[in-house]
Amino acid sequence: MIFDELVEIFKSVMPQTNPDKIKPESVLTSDLGVDSLNMMLLAITVEDKFGIKFESGAKLDTVSDIVEYVEKCKES
């Protein structure tokens, strides 16, 4: 499941984040403390893991936004 794999990515990129706080509805910035550097690292890691590329301007505010984006890209 993509969500479970994202939790693992968060744990490796942002080990200071409590994995129990990572929920589909979690807002990346306010709930999980993702800053611009973390976002870049997360994006690169997700792209490599799933073989996708994020478009600039993609709306990625929550964990579920990332899941939906990956699912959409994998369907294409």
N, C-alpha and C. Protein backbone atom coordinates (compact mmCIF):
# COMPACT_ATOMS: atom_id res chain seq x y z
N MET A 1 0.85 -1.19 0.00
CA MET A 1 0.00 0.00 0.00
C MET A 1 0.89 1.25 0.00
N ILE A 2 0.52 2.20 -0.81
CA ILE A 2 1.33 3.41 -0.98
C ILE A 2 1.47 4.16 0.34
N PHE A 3 0.39 4.26 1.11
CA PHE A 3 0.46 4.99 2.38
C PHE A 3 1.52 4.39 3.29
N ASP A 4 1.54 3.07 3.42
CA ASP A 4 2.52 2.42 4.29
C ASP A 4 3.95 2.69 3.82
N GLU A 5 4.15 2.67 2.52
CA GLU A 5 5.48 2.96 1.98
C GLU A 5 5.87 4.42 2.24
N LEU A 6 4.89 5.33 2.18
CA LEU A 6 5.17 6.73 2.49
C LEU A 6 5.57 6.91 3.95
N VAL A 7 4.93 6.19 4.84
CA VAL A 7 5.31 6.26 6.26
C VAL A 7 6.77 5.84 6.43
N GLU A 8 7.18 4.80 5.73
CA GLU A 8 8.58 4.36 5.80
C GLU A 8 9.51 5.44 5.25
N ILE A 9 9.10 6.11 4.18
CA ILE A 9 9.91 7.18 3.61
C ILE A 9 10.02 8.33 4.61
N PHE A 10 8.91 8.70 5.23
CA PHE A 10 8.95 9.75 6.26
C PHE A 10 9.91 9.37 7.38
N LYS A 11 9.86 8.12 7.81
CA LYS A 11 10.73 7.68 8.91
C LYS A 11 12.20 7.77 8.53
N SER A 12 12.54 7.56 7.27
CA SER A 12 13.95 7.65 6.87
C SER A 12 14.38 9.09 6.61
N VAL A 13 13.51 9.89 6.02
CA VAL A 13 13.86 11.28 5.67
C VAL A 13 13.72 12.21 6.87
N MET A 14 12.72 11.96 7.71
CA MET A 14 12.45 12.82 8.86
C MET A 14 12.33 11.96 10.12
N PRO A 15 13.44 11.41 10.59
CA PRO A 15 13.38 10.50 11.75
C PRO A 15 12.85 11.17 13.02
N GLN A 16 12.87 12.49 13.07
CA GLN A 16 12.37 13.20 14.25
C GLN A 16 10.84 13.21 14.31
N THR A 17 10.18 12.85 13.22
CA THR A 17 8.72 12.84 13.18
C THR A 17 8.20 11.53 13.77
N ASN A 18 7.27 11.64 14.68
CA ASN A 18 6.64 10.47 15.28
C ASN A 18 5.78 9.79 14.22
N PRO A 19 6.09 8.54 13.85
CA PRO A 19 5.32 7.88 12.80
C PRO A 19 3.84 7.70 13.15
N ASP A 20 3.51 7.70 14.44
CA ASP A 20 2.11 7.59 14.84
C ASP A 20 1.30 8.83 14.46
N LYS A 21 1.98 9.94 14.20
CA LYS A 21 1.29 11.17 13.81
C LYS A 21 1.02 11.22 12.31
N ILE A 22 1.59 10.31 11.55
CA ILE A 22 1.44 10.32 10.10
C ILE A 22 0.14 9.61 9.74
N LYS A 23 -0.84 10.41 9.38
CA LYS A 23 -2.17 9.93 8.99
C LYS A 23 -2.47 10.46 7.59
N PRO A 24 -3.38 9.85 6.87
CA PRO A 24 -3.70 10.38 5.53
C PRO A 24 -4.09 11.85 5.54
N GLU A 25 -4.79 12.29 6.59
CA GLU A 25 -5.24 13.69 6.65
C GLU A 25 -4.21 14.65 7.22
N SER A 26 -3.04 14.15 7.61
CA SER A 26 -1.99 15.00 8.19
C SER A 26 -1.53 16.05 7.19
N VAL A 27 -1.52 17.31 7.64
CA VAL A 27 -1.02 18.41 6.82
C VAL A 27 0.51 18.38 6.95
N LEU A 28 1.18 18.37 5.81
CA LEU A 28 2.64 18.20 5.81
C LEU A 28 3.35 19.25 6.65
N THR A 29 2.99 20.51 6.48
CA THR A 29 3.71 21.58 7.18
C THR A 29 3.33 21.69 8.64
N SER A 30 2.04 21.87 8.91
CA SER A 30 1.65 22.15 10.29
C SER A 30 1.60 20.90 11.17
N ASP A 31 1.17 19.78 10.65
CA ASP A 31 1.06 18.57 11.47
C ASP A 31 2.37 17.80 11.57
N LEU A 32 3.13 17.78 10.48
CA LEU A 32 4.34 16.94 10.45
C LEU A 32 5.64 17.73 10.46
N GLY A 33 5.56 19.05 10.35
CA GLY A 33 6.76 19.88 10.42
C GLY A 33 7.64 19.83 9.19
N VAL A 34 7.04 19.54 8.04
CA VAL A 34 7.82 19.48 6.80
C VAL A 34 8.16 20.90 6.36
N ASP A 35 9.46 21.16 6.19
CA ASP A 35 9.89 22.46 5.66
C ASP A 35 10.33 22.26 4.21
N SER A 36 10.84 23.29 3.59
CA SER A 36 11.17 23.21 2.16
C SER A 36 12.27 22.17 1.88
N LEU A 37 13.26 22.06 2.76
CA LEU A 37 14.31 21.07 2.56
C LEU A 37 13.76 19.65 2.70
N ASN A 38 12.96 19.42 3.75
CA ASN A 38 12.34 18.11 3.92
C ASN A 38 11.45 17.76 2.74
N MET A 39 10.73 18.76 2.22
CA MET A 39 9.84 18.51 1.09
C MET A 39 10.63 18.07 -0.14
N MET A 40 11.77 18.70 -0.36
CA MET A 40 12.61 18.30 -1.49
C MET A 40 13.10 16.87 -1.31
N LEU A 41 13.58 16.55 -0.10
CA LEU A 41 14.07 15.19 0.16
C LEU A 41 12.95 14.16 0.03
N LEU A 42 11.77 14.50 0.54
CA LEU A 42 10.63 13.60 0.42
C LEU A 42 10.26 13.39 -1.06
N ALA A 43 10.22 14.49 -1.80
CA ALA A 43 9.85 14.40 -3.22
C ALA A 43 10.82 13.53 -3.99
N ILE A 44 12.10 13.75 -3.79
CA ILE A 44 13.12 12.96 -4.49
C ILE A 44 13.00 11.49 -4.13
N THR A 45 12.83 11.21 -2.85
CA THR A 45 12.73 9.83 -2.39
C THR A 45 11.48 9.15 -2.94
N VAL A 46 10.35 9.86 -2.92
CA VAL A 46 9.10 9.31 -3.45
C VAL A 46 9.23 9.08 -4.96
N GLU A 47 9.82 10.03 -5.67
CA GLU A 47 10.01 9.87 -7.11
C GLU A 47 10.85 8.64 -7.42
N ASP A 48 11.94 8.46 -6.70
CA ASP A 48 12.80 7.31 -6.91
C ASP A 48 12.10 6.00 -6.57
N LYS A 49 11.39 5.98 -5.45
CA LYS A 49 10.71 4.77 -4.99
C LYS A 49 9.63 4.30 -5.95
N PHE A 50 8.84 5.25 -6.46
CA PHE A 50 7.69 4.89 -7.28
C PHE A 50 7.90 5.10 -8.77
N GLY A 51 9.07 5.62 -9.16
CA GLY A 51 9.36 5.83 -10.58
C GLY A 51 8.46 6.88 -11.22
N ILE A 52 8.22 7.96 -10.48
CA ILE A 52 7.37 9.04 -10.99
C ILE A 52 8.14 10.35 -10.94
N LYS A 53 7.54 11.39 -11.48
CA LYS A 53 8.07 12.75 -11.38
C LYS A 53 6.95 13.67 -10.95
N PHE A 54 7.21 14.48 -9.93
CA PHE A 54 6.22 15.47 -9.51
C PHE A 54 6.30 16.67 -10.45
N GLU A 55 5.15 17.15 -10.88
CA GLU A 55 5.08 18.36 -11.68
C GLU A 55 5.22 19.56 -10.75
N SER A 56 5.89 20.60 -11.24
CA SER A 56 5.94 21.81 -10.41
C SER A 56 4.51 22.35 -10.31
N GLY A 57 4.16 22.82 -9.14
CA GLY A 57 2.82 23.32 -8.92
C GLY A 57 1.83 22.26 -8.48
N ALA A 58 2.31 21.01 -8.31
CA ALA A 58 1.40 19.96 -7.83
C ALA A 58 0.94 20.31 -6.41
N LYS A 59 -0.35 20.13 -6.14
CA LYS A 59 -0.92 20.47 -4.83
C LYS A 59 -0.66 19.29 -3.89
N LEU A 60 0.30 19.46 -3.01
CA LEU A 60 0.68 18.41 -2.08
C LEU A 60 0.68 18.97 -0.66
N ASP A 61 -0.50 19.13 -0.10
CA ASP A 61 -0.62 19.70 1.23
C ASP A 61 -0.73 18.64 2.32
N THR A 62 -1.29 17.49 1.98
CA THR A 62 -1.50 16.44 2.97
C THR A 62 -0.85 15.14 2.50
N VAL A 63 -0.76 14.20 3.41
CA VAL A 63 -0.21 12.88 3.06
C VAL A 63 -1.09 12.23 1.99
N SER A 64 -2.40 12.37 2.12
CA SER A 64 -3.29 11.77 1.12
C SER A 64 -3.13 12.41 -0.26
N ASP A 65 -2.74 13.69 -0.32
CA ASP A 65 -2.45 14.32 -1.61
C ASP A 65 -1.30 13.60 -2.31
N ILE A 66 -0.28 13.22 -1.54
CA ILE A 66 0.85 12.49 -2.12
C ILE A 66 0.40 11.11 -2.59
N VAL A 67 -0.37 10.42 -1.75
CA VAL A 67 -0.86 9.09 -2.11
C VAL A 67 -1.66 9.16 -3.42
N GLU A 68 -2.58 10.11 -3.51
CA GLU A 68 -3.42 10.25 -4.70
C GLU A 68 -2.58 10.59 -5.93
N TYR A 69 -1.56 11.44 -5.76
CA TYR A 69 -0.70 11.81 -6.88
C TYR A 69 0.05 10.59 -7.39
N VAL A 70 0.62 9.81 -6.47
CA VAL A 70 1.36 8.61 -6.85
C VAL A 70 0.43 7.62 -7.55
N GLU A 71 -0.76 7.41 -7.00
CA GLU A 71 -1.70 6.49 -7.62
C GLU A 71 -2.06 6.93 -9.03
N LYS A 72 -2.29 8.23 -9.21
CA LYS A 72 -2.64 8.76 -10.53
C LYS A 72 -1.49 8.54 -11.52
N CYS A 73 -0.27 8.79 -11.08
CA CYS A 73 0.89 8.63 -11.96
C CYS A 73 1.11 7.16 -12.33
N LYS A 74 0.88 6.28 -11.39
CA LYS A 74 1.10 4.86 -11.65
C LYS A 74 0.03 4.29 -12.58
N GLU A 75 -1.14 4.92 -12.62
CA GLU A 75 -2.21 4.48 -13.54
C GLU A 75 -1.89 4.86 -14.98
N SER A 76 -1.13 5.94 -15.14
CA SER A 76 -0.84 6.45 -16.49
C SER A 76 0.12 5.57 -17.25
